[in-house]
Amino acid sequence: MKTIILKNEYLKHKIYTINATGYFLGRLITIISQLVKGKILNLYTNTLLPKIYIIVYNIKHILISGKKSFQKLYYFSSQRPGNLKKKTYNQLFLYSPYKILKYSILKMLTKNKLKKKFLNYIYLYSKNLSKIFINHKNINFLKLKYA
C-alpha cells in the first residue's frame, strides 16, 4: 500500500455548528478542541492546519457543575508589581462569556506554533443563530451525545 504524505490540497473546508445550550463547559471544550485539531478526520496529521470552521452559538446558556461558579478564579496581570487581579467565574461570565471559552480552549489545545492559528477557526456567539444556518447545505449540525 502506498503511503500518502498529506498536503493542504487534500484537505477540504468543513463547517460545524454547535448549539451550546445545556452543555457543561469542560465537555463542550473537549469536543471543540478535537474538532479544531482535525482528529475526527481520517487524514490526521499534527503538522497541518485542517480547514475546519466551528461556529458555537448560545454561549450564555453553558452550564458549570458544583460550586465552581463561586470558587473558580481567573487571574489577570499586566506584569507590573501589585497588578495581579482575580475574578470568579460568575463575575467574568457576566462581563464576557467569550473570554472564559477562549481561555479554556487555549488550555486544551496543543502547545505549539499552530495554537493561536486554531483560534481563528472558532467563532463564538451569544445569540441563537440556528435560523440563519437552516438554508445552508455545506454546514454540518452537531448534536452532542451528552449534556
N, C-alpha and C. Protein backbone atom coordinates (compact mmCIF):
# COMPACT_ATOMS: atom_id res chain seq x y z
N MET A 1 0.83 -1.17 0.00
CA MET A 1 0.00 0.00 0.00
C MET A 1 0.88 1.25 0.00
N LYS A 2 0.49 2.23 -0.77
CA LYS A 2 1.28 3.43 -0.93
C LYS A 2 0.99 4.41 0.22
N THR A 3 2.03 5.00 0.76
CA THR A 3 1.90 5.97 1.83
C THR A 3 1.62 7.35 1.25
N ILE A 4 0.63 8.02 1.82
CA ILE A 4 0.25 9.36 1.36
C ILE A 4 0.85 10.38 2.31
N ILE A 5 1.57 11.34 1.75
CA ILE A 5 2.06 12.45 2.55
C ILE A 5 1.06 13.59 2.37
N LEU A 6 0.47 14.00 3.47
CA LEU A 6 -0.60 14.99 3.39
C LEU A 6 -0.07 16.37 3.04
N LYS A 7 -0.85 17.04 2.21
CA LYS A 7 -0.60 18.44 1.87
C LYS A 7 -1.90 19.19 2.04
N ASN A 8 -1.82 20.49 1.99
CA ASN A 8 -3.02 21.31 2.16
C ASN A 8 -4.04 21.10 1.05
N GLU A 9 -3.61 20.59 -0.10
CA GLU A 9 -4.53 20.39 -1.22
C GLU A 9 -5.53 19.27 -0.95
N TYR A 10 -5.16 18.31 -0.10
CA TYR A 10 -6.04 17.19 0.18
C TYR A 10 -7.16 17.55 1.15
N LEU A 11 -6.95 18.58 1.95
CA LEU A 11 -7.91 18.94 2.98
C LEU A 11 -8.99 19.84 2.40
N LYS A 12 -10.24 19.55 2.74
CA LYS A 12 -11.37 20.34 2.27
C LYS A 12 -11.93 21.17 3.42
N HIS A 13 -12.60 22.25 3.06
CA HIS A 13 -13.24 23.08 4.07
C HIS A 13 -14.45 22.36 4.64
N LYS A 14 -14.60 22.40 5.96
CA LYS A 14 -15.79 21.89 6.62
C LYS A 14 -16.23 22.91 7.65
N ILE A 15 -17.54 23.02 7.82
CA ILE A 15 -18.10 23.95 8.80
C ILE A 15 -18.99 23.15 9.74
N TYR A 16 -18.75 23.30 11.03
CA TYR A 16 -19.57 22.64 12.04
C TYR A 16 -20.21 23.71 12.92
N THR A 17 -21.48 23.53 13.26
CA THR A 17 -22.15 24.43 14.19
C THR A 17 -22.53 23.65 15.43
N ILE A 18 -22.38 24.27 16.57
CA ILE A 18 -22.70 23.64 17.85
C ILE A 18 -23.59 24.59 18.63
N ASN A 19 -24.73 24.07 19.08
CA ASN A 19 -25.62 24.82 19.96
C ASN A 19 -25.20 24.50 21.39
N ALA A 20 -24.77 25.50 22.14
CA ALA A 20 -24.16 25.27 23.45
C ALA A 20 -25.16 25.26 24.61
N THR A 21 -26.44 25.33 24.34
CA THR A 21 -27.40 25.39 25.44
C THR A 21 -27.44 24.05 26.17
N GLY A 22 -27.32 24.13 27.49
CA GLY A 22 -27.46 22.95 28.34
C GLY A 22 -26.25 22.05 28.41
N TYR A 23 -25.13 22.42 27.84
CA TYR A 23 -23.94 21.58 27.89
C TYR A 23 -22.95 22.13 28.91
N PHE A 24 -22.22 21.22 29.54
CA PHE A 24 -21.22 21.62 30.51
C PHE A 24 -19.98 22.15 29.81
N LEU A 25 -19.30 23.06 30.47
CA LEU A 25 -18.18 23.78 29.87
C LEU A 25 -17.06 22.85 29.44
N GLY A 26 -16.61 21.97 30.31
CA GLY A 26 -15.47 21.11 30.01
C GLY A 26 -15.74 20.13 28.89
N ARG A 27 -16.92 19.55 28.88
CA ARG A 27 -17.26 18.57 27.84
C ARG A 27 -17.40 19.23 26.48
N LEU A 28 -17.93 20.43 26.48
CA LEU A 28 -18.07 21.17 25.23
C LEU A 28 -16.70 21.55 24.66
N ILE A 29 -15.80 21.93 25.52
CA ILE A 29 -14.48 22.38 25.07
C ILE A 29 -13.65 21.22 24.57
N THR A 30 -13.78 20.04 25.16
CA THR A 30 -13.02 18.89 24.64
C THR A 30 -13.46 18.55 23.23
N ILE A 31 -14.75 18.64 22.96
CA ILE A 31 -15.25 18.35 21.61
C ILE A 31 -14.77 19.42 20.63
N ILE A 32 -14.82 20.69 21.04
CA ILE A 32 -14.37 21.77 20.17
C ILE A 32 -12.88 21.63 19.85
N SER A 33 -12.07 21.30 20.85
CA SER A 33 -10.63 21.20 20.61
C SER A 33 -10.29 20.03 19.71
N GLN A 34 -11.02 18.92 19.83
CA GLN A 34 -10.77 17.78 18.94
C GLN A 34 -11.19 18.10 17.51
N LEU A 35 -12.29 18.84 17.36
CA LEU A 35 -12.74 19.22 16.02
C LEU A 35 -11.74 20.17 15.36
N VAL A 36 -11.26 21.15 16.10
CA VAL A 36 -10.35 22.14 15.53
C VAL A 36 -9.03 21.50 15.12
N LYS A 37 -8.54 20.57 15.91
CA LYS A 37 -7.28 19.89 15.58
C LYS A 37 -7.42 19.00 14.36
N GLY A 38 -8.65 18.55 14.07
CA GLY A 38 -8.87 17.68 12.93
C GLY A 38 -8.77 16.21 13.27
N LYS A 39 -8.92 15.86 14.54
CA LYS A 39 -8.78 14.47 14.94
C LYS A 39 -9.96 13.61 14.50
N ILE A 40 -11.04 14.24 14.05
CA ILE A 40 -12.17 13.46 13.57
C ILE A 40 -11.99 13.04 12.12
N LEU A 41 -11.02 13.63 11.44
CA LEU A 41 -10.77 13.30 10.03
C LEU A 41 -9.98 12.00 9.90
N ASN A 42 -10.16 11.32 8.79
CA ASN A 42 -9.38 10.12 8.52
C ASN A 42 -7.93 10.47 8.24
N LEU A 43 -7.70 11.59 7.62
CA LEU A 43 -6.35 12.03 7.28
C LEU A 43 -5.89 13.04 8.32
N TYR A 44 -5.39 12.57 9.44
CA TYR A 44 -4.98 13.47 10.52
C TYR A 44 -3.47 13.53 10.62
N THR A 45 -2.93 14.72 10.62
CA THR A 45 -1.53 14.94 10.96
C THR A 45 -1.47 16.15 11.88
N ASN A 46 -0.54 16.11 12.80
CA ASN A 46 -0.46 17.22 13.74
C ASN A 46 0.35 18.40 13.19
N THR A 47 0.91 18.25 12.00
CA THR A 47 1.72 19.32 11.43
C THR A 47 0.93 20.25 10.51
N LEU A 48 -0.22 19.79 10.02
CA LEU A 48 -1.02 20.61 9.11
C LEU A 48 -2.21 21.22 9.84
N LEU A 49 -2.62 22.36 9.36
CA LEU A 49 -3.77 23.05 9.91
C LEU A 49 -5.00 22.65 9.11
N PRO A 50 -5.92 21.86 9.69
CA PRO A 50 -7.11 21.46 8.93
C PRO A 50 -8.04 22.66 8.74
N LYS A 51 -8.78 22.63 7.66
CA LYS A 51 -9.65 23.75 7.32
C LYS A 51 -11.06 23.48 7.86
N ILE A 52 -11.16 23.41 9.17
CA ILE A 52 -12.43 23.14 9.83
C ILE A 52 -12.84 24.38 10.61
N TYR A 53 -13.99 24.93 10.25
CA TYR A 53 -14.52 26.10 10.93
C TYR A 53 -15.60 25.64 11.91
N ILE A 54 -15.57 26.19 13.11
CA ILE A 54 -16.53 25.81 14.14
C ILE A 54 -17.26 27.06 14.59
N ILE A 55 -18.58 26.99 14.55
CA ILE A 55 -19.43 28.09 14.99
C ILE A 55 -20.18 27.61 16.22
N VAL A 56 -19.94 28.25 17.35
CA VAL A 56 -20.61 27.90 18.60
C VAL A 56 -21.53 29.05 18.95
N TYR A 57 -22.82 28.76 19.12
CA TYR A 57 -23.76 29.81 19.47
C TYR A 57 -24.51 29.44 20.75
N ASN A 58 -25.23 30.41 21.31
CA ASN A 58 -25.89 30.31 22.62
C ASN A 58 -24.88 30.06 23.73
N ILE A 59 -23.83 30.82 23.76
CA ILE A 59 -22.78 30.66 24.76
C ILE A 59 -23.28 31.02 26.16
N LYS A 60 -24.23 31.92 26.25
CA LYS A 60 -24.71 32.36 27.56
C LYS A 60 -25.42 31.26 28.33
N HIS A 61 -25.76 30.17 27.67
CA HIS A 61 -26.51 29.10 28.33
C HIS A 61 -25.65 27.90 28.68
N ILE A 62 -24.35 28.09 28.78
CA ILE A 62 -23.45 27.00 29.16
C ILE A 62 -23.56 26.76 30.66
N LEU A 63 -23.52 25.50 31.06
CA LEU A 63 -23.61 25.13 32.47
C LEU A 63 -22.23 24.86 33.05
N ILE A 64 -22.15 24.94 34.36
CA ILE A 64 -20.94 24.56 35.09
C ILE A 64 -21.41 23.86 36.36
N SER A 65 -20.72 22.80 36.74
CA SER A 65 -21.20 21.95 37.83
C SER A 65 -20.64 22.37 39.18
N GLY A 66 -21.38 22.05 40.23
CA GLY A 66 -20.91 22.25 41.59
C GLY A 66 -20.78 23.71 41.99
N LYS A 67 -19.81 23.96 42.85
CA LYS A 67 -19.56 25.32 43.35
C LYS A 67 -18.50 26.05 42.55
N LYS A 68 -18.22 25.56 41.36
CA LYS A 68 -17.15 26.16 40.56
C LYS A 68 -17.46 27.61 40.18
N SER A 69 -18.74 27.93 40.07
CA SER A 69 -19.09 29.29 39.67
C SER A 69 -18.65 30.32 40.70
N PHE A 70 -18.55 29.91 41.98
CA PHE A 70 -18.08 30.84 43.02
C PHE A 70 -16.62 30.62 43.37
N GLN A 71 -16.12 29.39 43.20
CA GLN A 71 -14.78 29.06 43.67
C GLN A 71 -13.70 29.15 42.59
N LYS A 72 -14.08 29.00 41.33
CA LYS A 72 -13.08 29.03 40.26
C LYS A 72 -12.62 30.47 40.04
N LEU A 73 -11.31 30.67 40.06
CA LEU A 73 -10.74 32.01 39.92
C LEU A 73 -9.93 32.11 38.63
N TYR A 74 -10.04 33.27 38.00
CA TYR A 74 -9.24 33.60 36.82
C TYR A 74 -8.34 34.78 37.20
N TYR A 75 -7.05 34.65 36.91
CA TYR A 75 -6.07 35.67 37.27
C TYR A 75 -5.64 36.45 36.03
N PHE A 76 -5.50 37.77 36.19
CA PHE A 76 -5.05 38.64 35.12
C PHE A 76 -3.94 39.53 35.65
N SER A 77 -2.95 39.80 34.83
CA SER A 77 -1.84 40.64 35.26
C SER A 77 -1.24 41.34 34.06
N SER A 78 -0.72 42.55 34.30
CA SER A 78 0.00 43.27 33.25
C SER A 78 1.50 43.20 33.49
N GLN A 79 1.94 42.30 34.35
CA GLN A 79 3.34 42.06 34.69
C GLN A 79 3.98 43.25 35.41
N ARG A 80 3.19 44.09 36.02
CA ARG A 80 3.71 45.17 36.85
C ARG A 80 3.50 44.80 38.31
N PRO A 81 4.34 45.28 39.18
CA PRO A 81 4.21 44.92 40.60
C PRO A 81 2.88 45.39 41.19
N GLY A 82 2.21 44.51 41.89
CA GLY A 82 0.95 44.84 42.54
C GLY A 82 -0.24 44.92 41.62
N ASN A 83 -0.17 44.37 40.42
CA ASN A 83 -1.26 44.48 39.47
C ASN A 83 -1.97 43.15 39.23
N LEU A 84 -1.79 42.18 40.09
CA LEU A 84 -2.47 40.90 39.93
C LEU A 84 -3.94 41.05 40.30
N LYS A 85 -4.82 40.74 39.36
CA LYS A 85 -6.25 40.86 39.59
C LYS A 85 -6.88 39.49 39.45
N LYS A 86 -7.90 39.22 40.24
CA LYS A 86 -8.59 37.94 40.14
C LYS A 86 -10.10 38.16 40.10
N LYS A 87 -10.76 37.32 39.33
CA LYS A 87 -12.21 37.36 39.21
C LYS A 87 -12.75 35.95 39.31
N THR A 88 -13.95 35.82 39.84
CA THR A 88 -14.58 34.50 39.89
C THR A 88 -15.22 34.20 38.54
N TYR A 89 -15.66 32.97 38.39
CA TYR A 89 -16.30 32.55 37.13
C TYR A 89 -17.54 33.39 36.87
N ASN A 90 -18.36 33.62 37.90
CA ASN A 90 -19.60 34.39 37.71
C ASN A 90 -19.32 35.82 37.27
N GLN A 91 -18.33 36.46 37.90
CA GLN A 91 -18.01 37.84 37.53
C GLN A 91 -17.54 37.93 36.09
N LEU A 92 -16.70 37.01 35.69
CA LEU A 92 -16.17 37.04 34.33
C LEU A 92 -17.23 36.63 33.30
N PHE A 93 -18.12 35.71 33.69
CA PHE A 93 -19.16 35.25 32.77
C PHE A 93 -20.16 36.37 32.49
N LEU A 94 -20.49 37.16 33.51
CA LEU A 94 -21.38 38.29 33.30
C LEU A 94 -20.72 39.36 32.44
N TYR A 95 -19.42 39.54 32.61
CA TYR A 95 -18.69 40.55 31.83
C TYR A 95 -18.54 40.11 30.38
N SER A 96 -18.00 38.91 30.15
CA SER A 96 -17.89 38.38 28.79
C SER A 96 -17.70 36.86 28.83
N PRO A 97 -18.69 36.11 28.36
CA PRO A 97 -18.54 34.66 28.30
C PRO A 97 -17.53 34.21 27.25
N TYR A 98 -17.19 35.09 26.31
CA TYR A 98 -16.22 34.75 25.27
C TYR A 98 -14.84 34.49 25.88
N LYS A 99 -14.47 35.31 26.86
CA LYS A 99 -13.14 35.17 27.46
C LYS A 99 -12.98 33.83 28.15
N ILE A 100 -14.02 33.36 28.81
CA ILE A 100 -13.95 32.07 29.50
C ILE A 100 -13.75 30.95 28.50
N LEU A 101 -14.53 30.98 27.43
CA LEU A 101 -14.40 29.91 26.43
C LEU A 101 -13.07 29.97 25.70
N LYS A 102 -12.62 31.14 25.30
CA LYS A 102 -11.34 31.24 24.59
C LYS A 102 -10.18 30.81 25.47
N TYR A 103 -10.21 31.19 26.74
CA TYR A 103 -9.14 30.82 27.67
C TYR A 103 -9.10 29.31 27.88
N SER A 104 -10.27 28.71 28.04
CA SER A 104 -10.30 27.26 28.27
C SER A 104 -9.99 26.47 27.00
N ILE A 105 -10.36 26.98 25.84
CA ILE A 105 -9.99 26.31 24.58
C ILE A 105 -8.48 26.39 24.36
N LEU A 106 -7.88 27.53 24.68
CA LEU A 106 -6.43 27.67 24.56
C LEU A 106 -5.70 26.68 25.46
N LYS A 107 -6.24 26.43 26.64
CA LYS A 107 -5.60 25.49 27.56
C LYS A 107 -5.72 24.04 27.05
N MET A 108 -6.77 23.75 26.27
CA MET A 108 -6.98 22.38 25.78
C MET A 108 -6.18 22.07 24.52
N LEU A 109 -5.76 23.09 23.79
CA LEU A 109 -5.03 22.86 22.54
C LEU A 109 -3.57 22.50 22.83
N THR A 110 -2.94 21.89 21.84
CA THR A 110 -1.53 21.52 21.99
C THR A 110 -0.66 22.77 22.01
N LYS A 111 0.43 22.68 22.74
CA LYS A 111 1.31 23.82 22.91
C LYS A 111 2.35 23.84 21.80
N ASN A 112 1.99 24.41 20.65
CA ASN A 112 2.92 24.54 19.53
C ASN A 112 2.59 25.80 18.73
N LYS A 113 3.19 25.95 17.57
CA LYS A 113 3.02 27.17 16.78
C LYS A 113 1.62 27.32 16.20
N LEU A 114 0.90 26.23 16.06
CA LEU A 114 -0.43 26.28 15.46
C LEU A 114 -1.51 26.68 16.45
N LYS A 115 -1.17 26.80 17.72
CA LYS A 115 -2.16 27.03 18.77
C LYS A 115 -2.99 28.29 18.53
N LYS A 116 -2.35 29.40 18.23
CA LYS A 116 -3.09 30.64 18.02
C LYS A 116 -3.80 30.66 16.67
N LYS A 117 -3.31 29.91 15.72
CA LYS A 117 -3.98 29.83 14.42
C LYS A 117 -5.27 29.04 14.51
N PHE A 118 -5.32 28.08 15.44
CA PHE A 118 -6.55 27.31 15.64
C PHE A 118 -7.69 28.22 16.08
N LEU A 119 -7.38 29.23 16.87
CA LEU A 119 -8.43 30.11 17.38
C LEU A 119 -9.09 30.93 16.27
N ASN A 120 -8.41 31.12 15.15
CA ASN A 120 -9.01 31.86 14.04
C ASN A 120 -10.13 31.08 13.37
N TYR A 121 -10.21 29.78 13.61
CA TYR A 121 -11.24 28.95 13.00
C TYR A 121 -12.44 28.74 13.92
N ILE A 122 -12.43 29.34 15.10
CA ILE A 122 -13.53 29.19 16.05
C ILE A 122 -14.27 30.51 16.15
N TYR A 123 -15.59 30.46 15.98
CA TYR A 123 -16.42 31.65 16.09
C TYR A 123 -17.42 31.43 17.22
N LEU A 124 -17.46 32.37 18.16
CA LEU A 124 -18.31 32.26 19.34
C LEU A 124 -19.38 33.35 19.30
N TYR A 125 -20.64 32.95 19.50
CA TYR A 125 -21.76 33.89 19.50
C TYR A 125 -22.63 33.63 20.71
N SER A 126 -23.14 34.70 21.31
CA SER A 126 -24.02 34.52 22.47
C SER A 126 -25.49 34.45 22.05
N LYS A 127 -25.79 34.76 20.80
CA LYS A 127 -27.17 34.73 20.32
C LYS A 127 -27.50 33.39 19.68
N ASN A 128 -28.79 33.18 19.43
CA ASN A 128 -29.25 31.97 18.75
C ASN A 128 -29.17 32.21 17.25
N LEU A 129 -28.37 31.41 16.56
CA LEU A 129 -28.17 31.58 15.13
C LEU A 129 -28.72 30.42 14.31
N SER A 130 -29.53 29.58 14.91
CA SER A 130 -29.99 28.39 14.19
C SER A 130 -30.86 28.73 12.99
N LYS A 131 -31.59 29.84 13.03
CA LYS A 131 -32.45 30.22 11.91
C LYS A 131 -31.63 30.66 10.69
N ILE A 132 -30.46 31.18 10.93
CA ILE A 132 -29.61 31.66 9.83
C ILE A 132 -29.03 30.50 9.04
N PHE A 133 -28.68 29.41 9.73
CA PHE A 133 -27.97 28.30 9.10
C PHE A 133 -28.87 27.24 8.48
N ILE A 134 -30.18 27.40 8.52
CA ILE A 134 -31.08 26.36 8.04
C ILE A 134 -30.92 26.12 6.54
N ASN A 135 -30.76 27.15 5.74
CA ASN A 135 -30.74 27.01 4.29
C ASN A 135 -29.39 26.60 3.71
N HIS A 136 -28.34 26.60 4.51
CA HIS A 136 -27.01 26.26 4.00
C HIS A 136 -26.84 24.75 3.92
N LYS A 137 -26.31 24.27 2.79
CA LYS A 137 -26.16 22.83 2.58
C LYS A 137 -24.82 22.31 3.07
N ASN A 138 -23.79 23.15 3.09
CA ASN A 138 -22.46 22.66 3.43
C ASN A 138 -22.13 22.78 4.91
N ILE A 139 -23.11 23.08 5.75
CA ILE A 139 -22.88 23.22 7.18
C ILE A 139 -23.38 21.97 7.89
N ASN A 140 -22.53 21.38 8.72
CA ASN A 140 -22.90 20.20 9.49
C ASN A 140 -23.33 20.61 10.88
N PHE A 141 -24.55 20.22 11.27
CA PHE A 141 -25.04 20.49 12.61
C PHE A 141 -24.61 19.34 13.51
N LEU A 142 -23.96 19.67 14.60
CA LEU A 142 -23.51 18.64 15.54
C LEU A 142 -24.49 18.55 16.70
N LYS A 143 -24.98 17.36 16.96
CA LYS A 143 -25.76 17.11 18.16
C LYS A 143 -24.87 16.29 19.08
N LEU A 144 -24.50 16.87 20.19
CA LEU A 144 -23.57 16.22 21.09
C LEU A 144 -24.25 15.09 21.85
N LYS A 145 -23.48 14.08 22.22
CA LYS A 145 -24.04 12.87 22.81
C LYS A 145 -24.54 13.08 24.23
N TYR A 146 -23.84 13.87 25.01
CA TYR A 146 -24.20 14.00 26.41
C TYR A 146 -24.23 15.47 26.80
N ALA A 147 -25.05 15.75 27.79
CA ALA A 147 -25.18 17.13 28.25
C ALA A 147 -24.44 17.33 29.55
